Amino acid sequence: MTVTAITSKQQFDEVVNSGKVVFIDFWATWCGPCRVISPIFEKFSEQFASAEFYKVDVDDQADISEEVGIKAMPTFMAFKDGQKLGELVGANPGGLETLLKTHAA
């Protein structure tokens, strides 16, 4: 599995309402911790094949990050059927793994 970039609000709405569990990495190009944890998020996308993995550049997609209330980067969120299942703020590999294990069923 790969991590797909979300490039529009319409795409975001389709993804989070798809009926599947989706994990989204909200990041920014200037964010050092985002660059550190990004390869870990990508590696987890291979481990948790039952879910889909996406990323949103908060500077390019400000309307999305505003809608979901992003306050710091990186922020990871889990969604299913349009509902947020969970959230992790910060570059914490252990916390990210817990978020994924909790919601990837």
PDB file of N, CA and C in Angstrom:
ATOM      1  N   MET A   1       0.857  -1.193   0.000  1.00  0.00           N
ATOM      2  CA  MET A   1       0.000   0.000   0.000  1.00  0.00           C
ATOM      3  C   MET A   1       0.889   1.238   0.000  1.00  0.00           C
ATOM      4  N   THR A   2       0.414   2.267  -0.631  1.00  0.00           N
ATOM      5  CA  THR A   2       1.160   3.510  -0.670  1.00  0.00           C
ATOM      6  C   THR A   2       0.357   4.600   0.023  1.00  0.00           C
ATOM      7  N   VAL A   3       1.009   5.731   0.200  1.00  0.00           N
ATOM      8  CA  VAL A   3       0.353   6.896   0.785  1.00  0.00           C
ATOM      9  C   VAL A   3       0.023   7.849  -0.362  1.00  0.00           C
ATOM     10  N   THR A   4      -1.245   8.202  -0.491  1.00  0.00           N
ATOM     11  CA  THR A   4      -1.719   9.039  -1.590  1.00  0.00           C
ATOM     12  C   THR A   4      -1.953  10.456  -1.106  1.00  0.00           C
ATOM     13  N   ALA A   5      -1.491  11.419  -1.876  1.00  0.00           N
ATOM     14  CA  ALA A   5      -1.711  12.828  -1.527  1.00  0.00           C
ATOM     15  C   ALA A   5      -3.142  13.226  -1.874  1.00  0.00           C
ATOM     16  N   ILE A   6      -3.782  13.918  -0.955  1.00  0.00           N
ATOM     17  CA  ILE A   6      -5.111  14.487  -1.192  1.00  0.00           C
ATOM     18  C   ILE A   6      -4.902  15.910  -1.696  1.00  0.00           C
ATOM     19  N   THR A   7      -5.449  16.198  -2.872  1.00  0.00           N
ATOM     20  CA  THR A   7      -5.169  17.474  -3.523  1.00  0.00           C
ATOM     21  C   THR A   7      -6.386  18.376  -3.682  1.00  0.00           C
ATOM     22  N   SER A   8      -7.523  17.971  -3.117  1.00  0.00           N
ATOM     23  CA  SER A   8      -8.706  18.835  -3.186  1.00  0.00           C
ATOM     24  C   SER A   8      -9.661  18.499  -2.044  1.00  0.00           C
ATOM     25  N   LYS A   9     -10.510  19.453  -1.732  1.00  0.00           N
ATOM     26  CA  LYS A   9     -11.536  19.247  -0.706  1.00  0.00           C
ATOM     27  C   LYS A   9     -12.506  18.160  -1.148  1.00  0.00           C
ATOM     28  N   GLN A  10     -12.836  18.124  -2.427  1.00  0.00           N
ATOM     29  CA  GLN A  10     -13.744  17.100  -2.953  1.00  0.00           C
ATOM     30  C   GLN A  10     -13.139  15.710  -2.759  1.00  0.00           C
ATOM     31  N   GLN A  11     -11.857  15.569  -3.058  1.00  0.00           N
ATOM     32  CA  GLN A  11     -11.189  14.275  -2.870  1.00  0.00           C
ATOM     33  C   GLN A  11     -11.195  13.887  -1.398  1.00  0.00           C
ATOM     34  N   PHE A  12     -10.924  14.838  -0.506  1.00  0.00           N
ATOM     35  CA  PHE A  12     -10.942  14.574   0.932  1.00  0.00           C
ATOM     36  C   PHE A  12     -12.309  14.059   1.364  1.00  0.00           C
ATOM     37  N   ASP A  13     -13.374  14.742   0.920  1.00  0.00           N
ATOM     38  CA  ASP A  13     -14.727  14.327   1.289  1.00  0.00           C
ATOM     39  C   ASP A  13     -15.031  12.914   0.794  1.00  0.00           C
ATOM     40  N   GLU A  14     -14.608  12.586  -0.417  1.00  0.00           N
ATOM     41  CA  GLU A  14     -14.824  11.242  -0.965  1.00  0.00           C
ATOM     42  C   GLU A  14     -14.072  10.192  -0.146  1.00  0.00           C
ATOM     43  N   VAL A  15     -12.822  10.503   0.222  1.00  0.00           N
ATOM     44  CA  VAL A  15     -11.976   9.561   0.960  1.00  0.00           C
ATOM     45  C   VAL A  15     -12.559   9.260   2.336  1.00  0.00           C
ATOM     46  N   VAL A  16     -12.900  10.306   3.091  1.00  0.00           N
ATOM     47  CA  VAL A  16     -13.358  10.073   4.469  1.00  0.00           C
ATOM     48  C   VAL A  16     -14.762   9.477   4.530  1.00  0.00           C
ATOM     49  N   ASN A  17     -15.500   9.572   3.446  1.00  0.00           N
ATOM     50  CA  ASN A  17     -16.847   8.997   3.392  1.00  0.00           C
ATOM     51  C   ASN A  17     -16.910   7.705   2.584  1.00  0.00           C
ATOM     52  N   SER A  18     -15.776   7.100   2.333  1.00  0.00           N
ATOM     53  CA  SER A  18     -15.710   5.935   1.446  1.00  0.00           C
ATOM     54  C   SER A  18     -16.229   4.649   2.082  1.00  0.00           C
ATOM     55  N   GLY A  19     -16.407   4.644   3.404  1.00  0.00           N
ATOM     56  CA  GLY A  19     -16.827   3.421   4.086  1.00  0.00           C
ATOM     57  C   GLY A  19     -15.653   2.582   4.559  1.00  0.00           C
ATOM     58  N   LYS A  20     -14.442   2.986   4.167  1.00  0.00           N
ATOM     59  CA  LYS A  20     -13.233   2.285   4.596  1.00  0.00           C
ATOM     60  C   LYS A  20     -12.577   3.070   5.726  1.00  0.00           C
ATOM     61  N   VAL A  21     -11.731   2.387   6.496  1.00  0.00           N
ATOM     62  CA  VAL A  21     -10.926   3.092   7.489  1.00  0.00           C
ATOM     63  C   VAL A  21      -9.783   3.767   6.741  1.00  0.00           C
ATOM     64  N   VAL A  22      -9.650   5.069   6.945  1.00  0.00           N
ATOM     65  CA  VAL A  22      -8.572   5.823   6.306  1.00  0.00           C
ATOM     66  C   VAL A  22      -7.773   6.569   7.367  1.00  0.00           C
ATOM     67  N   PHE A  23      -6.463   6.590   7.164  1.00  0.00           N
ATOM     68  CA  PHE A  23      -5.557   7.336   8.026  1.00  0.00           C
ATOM     69  C   PHE A  23      -4.964   8.466   7.206  1.00  0.00           C
ATOM     70  N   ILE A  24      -4.961   9.656   7.789  1.00  0.00           N
ATOM     71  CA  ILE A  24      -4.467  10.831   7.068  1.00  0.00           C
ATOM     72  C   ILE A  24      -3.394  11.520   7.896  1.00  0.00           C
ATOM     73  N   ASP A  25      -2.274  11.784   7.226  1.00  0.00           N
ATOM     74  CA  ASP A  25      -1.148  12.518   7.792  1.00  0.00           C
ATOM     75  C   ASP A  25      -1.270  13.960   7.332  1.00  0.00           C
ATOM     76  N   PHE A  26      -1.534  14.872   8.285  1.00  0.00           N
ATOM     77  CA  PHE A  26      -1.572  16.299   7.989  1.00  0.00           C
ATOM     78  C   PHE A  26      -0.185  16.849   8.277  1.00  0.00           C
ATOM     79  N   TRP A  27       0.494  17.353   7.252  1.00  0.00           N
ATOM     80  CA  TRP A  27       1.907  17.719   7.346  1.00  0.00           C
ATOM     81  C   TRP A  27       2.166  19.030   6.609  1.00  0.00           C
ATOM     82  N   ALA A  28       3.404  19.504   6.699  1.00  0.00           N
ATOM     83  CA  ALA A  28       3.830  20.699   5.967  1.00  0.00           C
ATOM     84  C   ALA A  28       5.277  20.487   5.502  1.00  0.00           C
ATOM     85  N   THR A  29       5.609  21.055   4.364  1.00  0.00           N
ATOM     86  CA  THR A  29       6.953  20.857   3.802  1.00  0.00           C
ATOM     87  C   THR A  29       8.043  21.425   4.706  1.00  0.00           C
ATOM     88  N   TRP A  30       7.736  22.480   5.464  1.00  0.00           N
ATOM     89  CA  TRP A  30       8.722  23.128   6.320  1.00  0.00           C
ATOM     90  C   TRP A  30       8.835  22.468   7.700  1.00  0.00           C
ATOM     91  N   CYS A  31       8.048  21.446   7.951  1.00  0.00           N
ATOM     92  CA  CYS A  31       7.978  20.810   9.275  1.00  0.00           C
ATOM     93  C   CYS A  31       9.005  19.680   9.381  1.00  0.00           C
ATOM     94  N   GLY A  32      10.051  19.900  10.178  1.00  0.00           N
ATOM     95  CA  GLY A  32      11.101  18.893  10.362  1.00  0.00           C
ATOM     96  C   GLY A  32      10.585  17.564  10.901  1.00  0.00           C
ATOM     97  N   PRO A  33       9.817  17.567  12.004  1.00  0.00           N
ATOM     98  CA  PRO A  33       9.291  16.306  12.525  1.00  0.00           C
ATOM     99  C   PRO A  33       8.411  15.563  11.513  1.00  0.00           C
ATOM    100  N   CYS A  34       7.724  16.318  10.639  1.00  0.00           N
ATOM    101  CA  CYS A  34       6.892  15.678   9.603  1.00  0.00           C
ATOM    102  C   CYS A  34       7.760  14.854   8.662  1.00  0.00           C
ATOM    103  N   ARG A  35       8.914  15.413   8.291  1.00  0.00           N
ATOM    104  CA  ARG A  35       9.817  14.704   7.379  1.00  0.00           C
ATOM    105  C   ARG A  35      10.409  13.471   8.041  1.00  0.00           C
ATOM    106  N   VAL A  36      10.589  13.518   9.354  1.00  0.00           N
ATOM    107  CA  VAL A  36      11.157  12.380  10.078  1.00  0.00           C
ATOM    108  C   VAL A  36      10.162  11.226  10.155  1.00  0.00           C
ATOM    109  N   ILE A  37       8.898  11.509  10.437  1.00  0.00           N
ATOM    110  CA  ILE A  37       7.930  10.431  10.637  1.00  0.00           C
ATOM    111  C   ILE A  37       7.255   9.975   9.340  1.00  0.00           C
ATOM    112  N   SER A  38       7.371  10.744   8.279  1.00  0.00           N
ATOM    113  CA  SER A  38       6.730  10.379   7.016  1.00  0.00           C
ATOM    114  C   SER A  38       7.122   8.978   6.518  1.00  0.00           C
ATOM    115  N   PRO A  39       8.420   8.611   6.533  1.00  0.00           N
ATOM    116  CA  PRO A  39       8.774   7.250   6.090  1.00  0.00           C
ATOM    117  C   PRO A  39       8.199   6.158   7.001  1.00  0.00           C
ATOM    118  N   ILE A  40       8.006   6.474   8.267  1.00  0.00           N
ATOM    119  CA  ILE A  40       7.421   5.510   9.210  1.00  0.00           C
ATOM    120  C   ILE A  40       5.942   5.312   8.868  1.00  0.00           C
ATOM    121  N   PHE A  41       5.235   6.407   8.584  1.00  0.00           N
ATOM    122  CA  PHE A  41       3.831   6.334   8.172  1.00  0.00           C
ATOM    123  C   PHE A  41       3.707   5.491   6.898  1.00  0.00           C
ATOM    124  N   GLU A  42       4.632   5.709   5.954  1.00  0.00           N
ATOM    125  CA  GLU A  42       4.610   4.937   4.711  1.00  0.00           C
ATOM    126  C   GLU A  42       4.863   3.455   4.973  1.00  0.00           C
ATOM    127  N   LYS A  43       5.772   3.150   5.882  1.00  0.00           N
ATOM    128  CA  LYS A  43       6.050   1.748   6.206  1.00  0.00           C
ATOM    129  C   LYS A  43       4.818   1.092   6.850  1.00  0.00           C
ATOM    130  N   PHE A  44       4.146   1.826   7.739  1.00  0.00           N
ATOM    131  CA  PHE A  44       2.926   1.299   8.355  1.00  0.00           C
ATOM    132  C   PHE A  44       1.844   1.043   7.304  1.00  0.00           C
ATOM    133  N   SER A  45       1.833   1.809   6.216  1.00  0.00           N
ATOM    134  CA  SER A  45       0.819   1.604   5.180  1.00  0.00           C
ATOM    135  C   SER A  45       0.957   0.216   4.556  1.00  0.00           C
ATOM    136  N   GLU A  46       2.153  -0.343   4.596  1.00  0.00           N
ATOM    137  CA  GLU A  46       2.375  -1.692   4.086  1.00  0.00           C
ATOM    138  C   GLU A  46       1.906  -2.744   5.094  1.00  0.00           C
ATOM    139  N   GLN A  47       2.015  -2.446   6.374  1.00  0.00           N
ATOM    140  CA  GLN A  47       1.640  -3.385   7.435  1.00  0.00           C
ATOM    141  C   GLN A  47       0.119  -3.477   7.613  1.00  0.00           C
ATOM    142  N   PHE A  48      -0.563  -2.364   7.435  1.00  0.00           N
ATOM    143  CA  PHE A  48      -2.003  -2.302   7.694  1.00  0.00           C
ATOM    144  C   PHE A  48      -2.756  -2.201   6.365  1.00  0.00           C
ATOM    145  N   ALA A  49      -2.751  -3.297   5.625  1.00  0.00           N
ATOM    146  CA  ALA A  49      -3.308  -3.308   4.264  1.00  0.00           C
ATOM    147  C   ALA A  49      -4.826  -3.159   4.246  1.00  0.00           C
ATOM    148  N   SER A  50      -5.483  -3.377   5.377  1.00  0.00           N
ATOM    149  CA  SER A  50      -6.949  -3.271   5.402  1.00  0.00           C
ATOM    150  C   SER A  50      -7.421  -1.813   5.394  1.00  0.00           C
ATOM    151  N   ALA A  51      -6.513  -0.880   5.652  1.00  0.00           N
ATOM    152  CA  ALA A  51      -6.860   0.543   5.691  1.00  0.00           C
ATOM    153  C   ALA A  51      -6.205   1.259   4.511  1.00  0.00           C
ATOM    154  N   GLU A  52      -6.642   2.479   4.285  1.00  0.00           N
ATOM    155  CA  GLU A  52      -6.042   3.310   3.246  1.00  0.00           C
ATOM    156  C   GLU A  52      -5.312   4.477   3.910  1.00  0.00           C
ATOM    157  N   PHE A  53      -4.216   4.896   3.296  1.00  0.00           N
ATOM    158  CA  PHE A  53      -3.345   5.915   3.868  1.00  0.00           C
ATOM    159  C   PHE A  53      -3.225   7.101   2.914  1.00  0.00           C
ATOM    160  N   TYR A  54      -3.375   8.296   3.482  1.00  0.00           N
ATOM    161  CA  TYR A  54      -3.339   9.527   2.698  1.00  0.00           C
ATOM    162  C   TYR A  54      -2.528  10.577   3.446  1.00  0.00           C
ATOM    163  N   LYS A  55      -2.157  11.640   2.717  1.00  0.00           N
ATOM    164  CA  LYS A  55      -1.500  12.778   3.353  1.00  0.00           C
ATOM    165  C   LYS A  55      -2.070  14.063   2.786  1.00  0.00           C
ATOM    166  N   VAL A  56      -2.105  15.079   3.637  1.00  0.00           N
ATOM    167  CA  VAL A  56      -2.619  16.394   3.259  1.00  0.00           C
ATOM    168  C   VAL A  56      -1.567  17.432   3.628  1.00  0.00           C
ATOM    169  N   ASP A  57      -1.105  18.192   2.638  1.00  0.00           N
ATOM    170  CA  ASP A  57      -0.205  19.321   2.885  1.00  0.00           C
ATOM    171  C   ASP A  57      -1.084  20.471   3.391  1.00  0.00           C
ATOM    172  N   VAL A  58      -0.898  20.833   4.651  1.00  0.00           N
ATOM    173  CA  VAL A  58      -1.799  21.813   5.280  1.00  0.00           C
ATOM    174  C   VAL A  58      -1.691  23.195   4.648  1.00  0.00           C
ATOM    175  N   ASP A  59      -0.563  23.506   4.019  1.00  0.00           N
ATOM    176  CA  ASP A  59      -0.417  24.803   3.363  1.00  0.00           C
ATOM    177  C   ASP A  59      -1.143  24.825   2.018  1.00  0.00           C
ATOM    178  N   ASP A  60      -1.096  23.713   1.290  1.00  0.00           N
ATOM    179  CA  ASP A  60      -1.768  23.629  -0.008  1.00  0.00           C
ATOM    180  C   ASP A  60      -3.280  23.426   0.137  1.00  0.00           C
ATOM    181  N   GLN A  61      -3.701  22.805   1.240  1.00  0.00           N
ATOM    182  CA  GLN A  61      -5.118  22.471   1.445  1.00  0.00           C
ATOM    183  C   GLN A  61      -5.615  23.071   2.762  1.00  0.00           C
ATOM    184  N   ALA A  62      -5.517  24.380   2.863  1.00  0.00           N
ATOM    185  CA  ALA A  62      -5.880  25.070   4.103  1.00  0.00           C
ATOM    186  C   ALA A  62      -7.349  24.860   4.464  1.00  0.00           C
ATOM    187  N   ASP A  63      -8.231  24.746   3.471  1.00  0.00           N
ATOM    188  CA  ASP A  63      -9.651  24.555   3.774  1.00  0.00           C
ATOM    189  C   ASP A  63      -9.893  23.221   4.475  1.00  0.00           C
ATOM    190  N   ILE A  64      -9.151  22.181   4.083  1.00  0.00           N
ATOM    191  CA  ILE A  64      -9.296  20.878   4.738  1.00  0.00           C
ATOM    192  C   ILE A  64      -8.765  20.938   6.159  1.00  0.00           C
ATOM    193  N   SER A  65      -7.559  21.479   6.322  1.00  0.00           N
ATOM    194  CA  SER A  65      -6.961  21.510   7.661  1.00  0.00           C
ATOM    195  C   SER A  65      -7.772  22.382   8.609  1.00  0.00           C
ATOM    196  N   GLU A  66      -8.393  23.426   8.089  1.00  0.00           N
ATOM    197  CA  GLU A  66      -9.257  24.264   8.923  1.00  0.00           C
ATOM    198  C   GLU A  66     -10.516  23.489   9.333  1.00  0.00           C
ATOM    199  N   GLU A  67     -11.095  22.756   8.394  1.00  0.00           N
ATOM    200  CA  GLU A  67     -12.322  22.006   8.676  1.00  0.00           C
ATOM    201  C   GLU A  67     -12.119  20.972   9.781  1.00  0.00           C
ATOM    202  N   VAL A  68     -10.973  20.297   9.775  1.00  0.00           N
ATOM    203  CA  VAL A  68     -10.742  19.246  10.775  1.00  0.00           C
ATOM    204  C   VAL A  68     -10.018  19.769  12.014  1.00  0.00           C
ATOM    205  N   GLY A  69      -9.651  21.048  12.027  1.00  0.00           N
ATOM    206  CA  GLY A  69      -9.098  21.666  13.224  1.00  0.00           C
ATOM    207  C   GLY A  69      -7.630  21.376  13.488  1.00  0.00           C
ATOM    208  N   ILE A  70      -6.819  21.358  12.452  1.00  0.00           N
ATOM    209  CA  ILE A  70      -5.386  21.114  12.629  1.00  0.00           C
ATOM    210  C   ILE A  70      -4.758  22.312  13.331  1.00  0.00           C
ATOM    211  N   LYS A  71      -4.057  22.035  14.428  1.00  0.00           N
ATOM    212  CA  LYS A  71      -3.399  23.096  15.195  1.00  0.00           C
ATOM    213  C   LYS A  71      -1.872  22.944  15.189  1.00  0.00           C
ATOM    214  N   ALA A  72      -1.393  21.723  14.937  1.00  0.00           N
ATOM    215  CA  ALA A  72       0.048  21.459  14.941  1.00  0.00           C
ATOM    216  C   ALA A  72       0.340  20.336  13.947  1.00  0.00           C
ATOM    217  N   MET A  73       1.568  20.306  13.464  1.00  0.00           N
ATOM    218  CA  MET A  73       1.979  19.256  12.551  1.00  0.00           C
ATOM    219  C   MET A  73       3.148  18.477  13.154  1.00  0.00           C
ATOM    220  N   PRO A  74       3.217  17.201  12.856  1.00  0.00           N
ATOM    221  CA  PRO A  74       2.214  16.451  12.121  1.00  0.00           C
ATOM    222  C   PRO A  74       1.030  16.082  13.014  1.00  0.00           C
ATOM    223  N   THR A  75      -0.128  15.943  12.388  1.00  0.00           N
ATOM    224  CA  THR A  75      -1.315  15.401  13.045  1.00  0.00           C
ATOM    225  C   THR A  75      -1.803  14.241  12.194  1.00  0.00           C
ATOM    226  N   PHE A  76      -2.083  13.127  12.840  1.00  0.00           N
ATOM    227  CA  PHE A  76      -2.602  11.940  12.164  1.00  0.00           C
ATOM    228  C   PHE A  76      -4.037  11.735  12.623  1.00  0.00           C
ATOM    229  N   MET A  77      -4.929  11.475  11.662  1.00  0.00           N
ATOM    230  CA  MET A  77      -6.329  11.232  11.997  1.00  0.00           C
ATOM    231  C   MET A  77      -6.815   9.969  11.310  1.00  0.00           C
ATOM    232  N   ALA A  78      -7.718   9.278  11.997  1.00  0.00           N
ATOM    233  CA  ALA A  78      -8.381   8.100  11.441  1.00  0.00           C
ATOM    234  C   ALA A  78      -9.841   8.460  11.214  1.00  0.00           C
ATOM    235  N   PHE A  79     -10.366   8.081  10.043  1.00  0.00           N
ATOM    236  CA  PHE A  79     -11.760   8.339   9.696  1.00  0.00           C
ATOM    237  C   PHE A  79     -12.407   7.070   9.158  1.00  0.00           C
ATOM    238  N   LYS A  80     -13.724   6.990   9.332  1.00  0.00           N
ATOM    239  CA  LYS A  80     -14.533   5.971   8.668  1.00  0.00           C
ATOM    240  C   LYS A  80     -15.953   6.516   8.567  1.00  0.00           C
ATOM    241  N   ASP A  81     -16.548   6.370   7.399  1.00  0.00           N
ATOM    242  CA  ASP A  81     -17.920   6.831   7.161  1.00  0.00           C
ATOM    243  C   ASP A  81     -18.120   8.298   7.557  1.00  0.00           C
ATOM    244  N   GLY A  82     -17.118   9.133   7.298  1.00  0.00           N
ATOM    245  CA  GLY A  82     -17.224  10.556   7.584  1.00  0.00           C
ATOM    246  C   GLY A  82     -17.009  10.945   9.029  1.00  0.00           C
ATOM    247  N   GLN A  83     -16.773   9.971   9.889  1.00  0.00           N
ATOM    248  CA  GLN A  83     -16.570  10.240  11.321  1.00  0.00           C
ATOM    249  C   GLN A  83     -15.108  10.081  11.704  1.00  0.00           C
ATOM    250  N   LYS A  84     -14.610  10.999  12.512  1.00  0.00           N
ATOM    251  CA  LYS A  84     -13.245  10.867  13.007  1.00  0.00           C
ATOM    252  C   LYS A  84     -13.230   9.806  14.101  1.00  0.00           C
ATOM    253  N   LEU A  85     -12.353   8.832  13.935  1.00  0.00           N
ATOM    254  CA  LEU A  85     -12.235   7.748  14.916  1.00  0.00           C
ATOM    255  C   LEU A  85     -11.182   8.028  15.972  1.00  0.00           C
ATOM    256  N   GLY A  86     -10.127   8.731  15.585  1.00  0.00           N
ATOM    257  CA  GLY A  86      -9.036   8.986  16.514  1.00  0.00           C
ATOM    258  C   GLY A  86      -8.059   9.984  15.932  1.00  0.00           C
ATOM    259  N   GLU A  87      -7.144  10.443  16.789  1.00  0.00           N
ATOM    260  CA  GLU A  87      -6.207  11.490  16.398  1.00  0.00           C
ATOM    261  C   GLU A  87      -4.929  11.369  17.209  1.00  0.00           C
ATOM    262  N   LEU A  88      -3.819  11.702  16.579  1.00  0.00           N
ATOM    263  CA  LEU A  88      -2.523  11.780  17.256  1.00  0.00           C
ATOM    264  C   LEU A  88      -1.816  13.035  16.768  1.00  0.00           C
ATOM    265  N   VAL A  89      -1.363  13.866  17.702  1.00  0.00           N
ATOM    266  CA  VAL A  89      -0.606  15.060  17.351  1.00  0.00           C
ATOM    267  C   VAL A  89       0.843  14.821  17.742  1.00  0.00           C
ATOM    268  N   GLY A  90       1.746  15.041  16.778  1.00  0.00           N
ATOM    269  CA  GLY A  90       3.172  14.906  17.049  1.00  0.00           C
ATOM    270  C   GLY A  90       3.792  13.712  16.348  1.00  0.00           C
ATOM    271  N   ALA A  91       5.108  13.780  16.216  1.00  0.00           N
ATOM    272  CA  ALA A  91       5.874  12.730  15.540  1.00  0.00           C
ATOM    273  C   ALA A  91       6.246  11.648  16.542  1.00  0.00           C
ATOM    274  N   ASN A  92       5.282  10.833  16.908  1.00  0.00           N
ATOM    275  CA  ASN A  92       5.443   9.802  17.923  1.00  0.00           C
ATOM    276  C   ASN A  92       5.187   8.434  17.280  1.00  0.00           C
ATOM    277  N   PRO A  93       6.249   7.713  16.859  1.00  0.00           N
ATOM    278  CA  PRO A  93       6.044   6.430  16.177  1.00  0.00           C
ATOM    279  C   PRO A  93       5.230   5.424  16.988  1.00  0.00           C
ATOM    280  N   GLY A  94       5.461   5.346  18.288  1.00  0.00           N
ATOM    281  CA  GLY A  94       4.711   4.419  19.137  1.00  0.00           C
ATOM    282  C   GLY A  94       3.245   4.793  19.222  1.00  0.00           C
ATOM    283  N   GLY A  95       2.983   6.072  19.360  1.00  0.00           N
ATOM    284  CA  GLY A  95       1.600   6.546  19.396  1.00  0.00           C
ATOM    285  C   GLY A  95       0.901   6.340  18.068  1.00  0.00           C
ATOM    286  N   LEU A  96       1.638   6.522  16.975  1.00  0.00           N
ATOM    287  CA  LEU A  96       1.072   6.306  15.650  1.00  0.00           C
ATOM    288  C   LEU A  96       0.706   4.830  15.456  1.00  0.00           C
ATOM    289  N   GLU A  97       1.591   3.960  15.883  1.00  0.00           N
ATOM    290  CA  GLU A  97       1.311   2.530  15.766  1.00  0.00           C
ATOM    291  C   GLU A  97       0.068   2.150  16.575  1.00  0.00           C
ATOM    292  N   THR A  98      -0.069   2.713  17.767  1.00  0.00           N
ATOM    293  CA  THR A  98      -1.242   2.455  18.606  1.00  0.00           C
ATOM    294  C   THR A  98      -2.507   2.951  17.916  1.00  0.00           C
ATOM    295  N   LEU A  99      -2.463   4.157  17.346  1.00  0.00           N
ATOM    296  CA  LEU A  99      -3.619   4.686  16.625  1.00  0.00           C
ATOM    297  C   LEU A  99      -4.008   3.746  15.486  1.00  0.00           C
ATOM    298  N   LEU A 100      -3.031   3.268  14.740  1.00  0.00           N
ATOM    299  CA  LEU A 100      -3.296   2.396  13.602  1.00  0.00           C
ATOM    300  C   LEU A 100      -3.862   1.056  14.071  1.00  0.00           C
ATOM    301  N   LYS A 101      -3.252   0.458  15.082  1.00  0.00           N
ATOM    302  CA  LYS A 101      -3.716  -0.834  15.578  1.00  0.00           C
ATOM    303  C   LYS A 101      -5.141  -0.749  16.137  1.00  0.00           C
ATOM    304  N   THR A 102      -5.446   0.377  16.777  1.00  0.00           N
ATOM    305  CA  THR A 102      -6.753   0.555  17.383  1.00  0.00           C
ATOM    306  C   THR A 102      -7.871   0.629  16.337  1.00  0.00           C
ATOM    307  N   HIS A 103      -7.574   1.260  15.190  1.00  0.00           N
ATOM    308  CA  HIS A 103      -8.647   1.560  14.237  1.00  0.00           C
ATOM    309  C   HIS A 103      -8.560   0.817  12.907  1.00  0.00           C
ATOM    310  N   ALA A 104      -7.519   0.051  12.679  1.00  0.00           N
ATOM    311  CA  ALA A 104      -7.340  -0.598  11.362  1.00  0.00           C
ATOM    312  C   ALA A 104      -8.082  -1.920  11.235  1.00  0.00           C
ATOM    313  N   ALA A 105      -8.878  -2.285  12.218  1.00  0.00           N
ATOM    314  CA  ALA A 105      -9.537  -3.596  12.206  1.00  0.00           C
ATOM    315  C   ALA A 105     -10.381  -3.818  10.977  1.00  0.00           C
TER     316      ALA A 105
END
